[in-house]
């Protein structure tokens, strides 16, 4: 049962950090990137937070999401091996597409981050941010589909955890 508890906590953490990442990313994209033609008004405040504040919040939520995704993928590593080795790709296209899109979003975001840290080419950084933004929207759609597909697992696992907890406290 401890295994189910750990998986449940990791998945809840993924949902929360994924929501925080998606909301902050969409907010940055809609409020600061779109229509600004490269001139981000960093002094504009949205919900009382500046661009730098939202950017920092986005980076922190990304790091939480990335660490939890590493755990999530490692927990499902056997699934990846079976799907690829037995050529079950067509039956698992949604999960594999989600994985590929996640890797592309993470990579494009990290590359733009590294370019900024190294004071690299601004146009190249902005190109990677554009790629990251567009792929991020696709990732959000796939994440929603994935969570909806797994809702039954969440509820049955939560029910099992409640029953186990009641049993432990009765003895």
Foldseek 3Di string as FASTA:
>chain_A
DVVLVVLLVLVVLLVVLVVQLLVLLVCCCVQFPPPPVPDGPQPDDDPRHGSVRSVVSNVVSVVSNVVSVVVVCVVCVVVVCCCVVVVVCVVVVLVVVLVVLVVLLVVLVVVLVVCVVVVHDPVSSVVSSVVNSVSSVVNVVSVVVVCVVCVVVNVVSVVVVVVVVVVVVVD
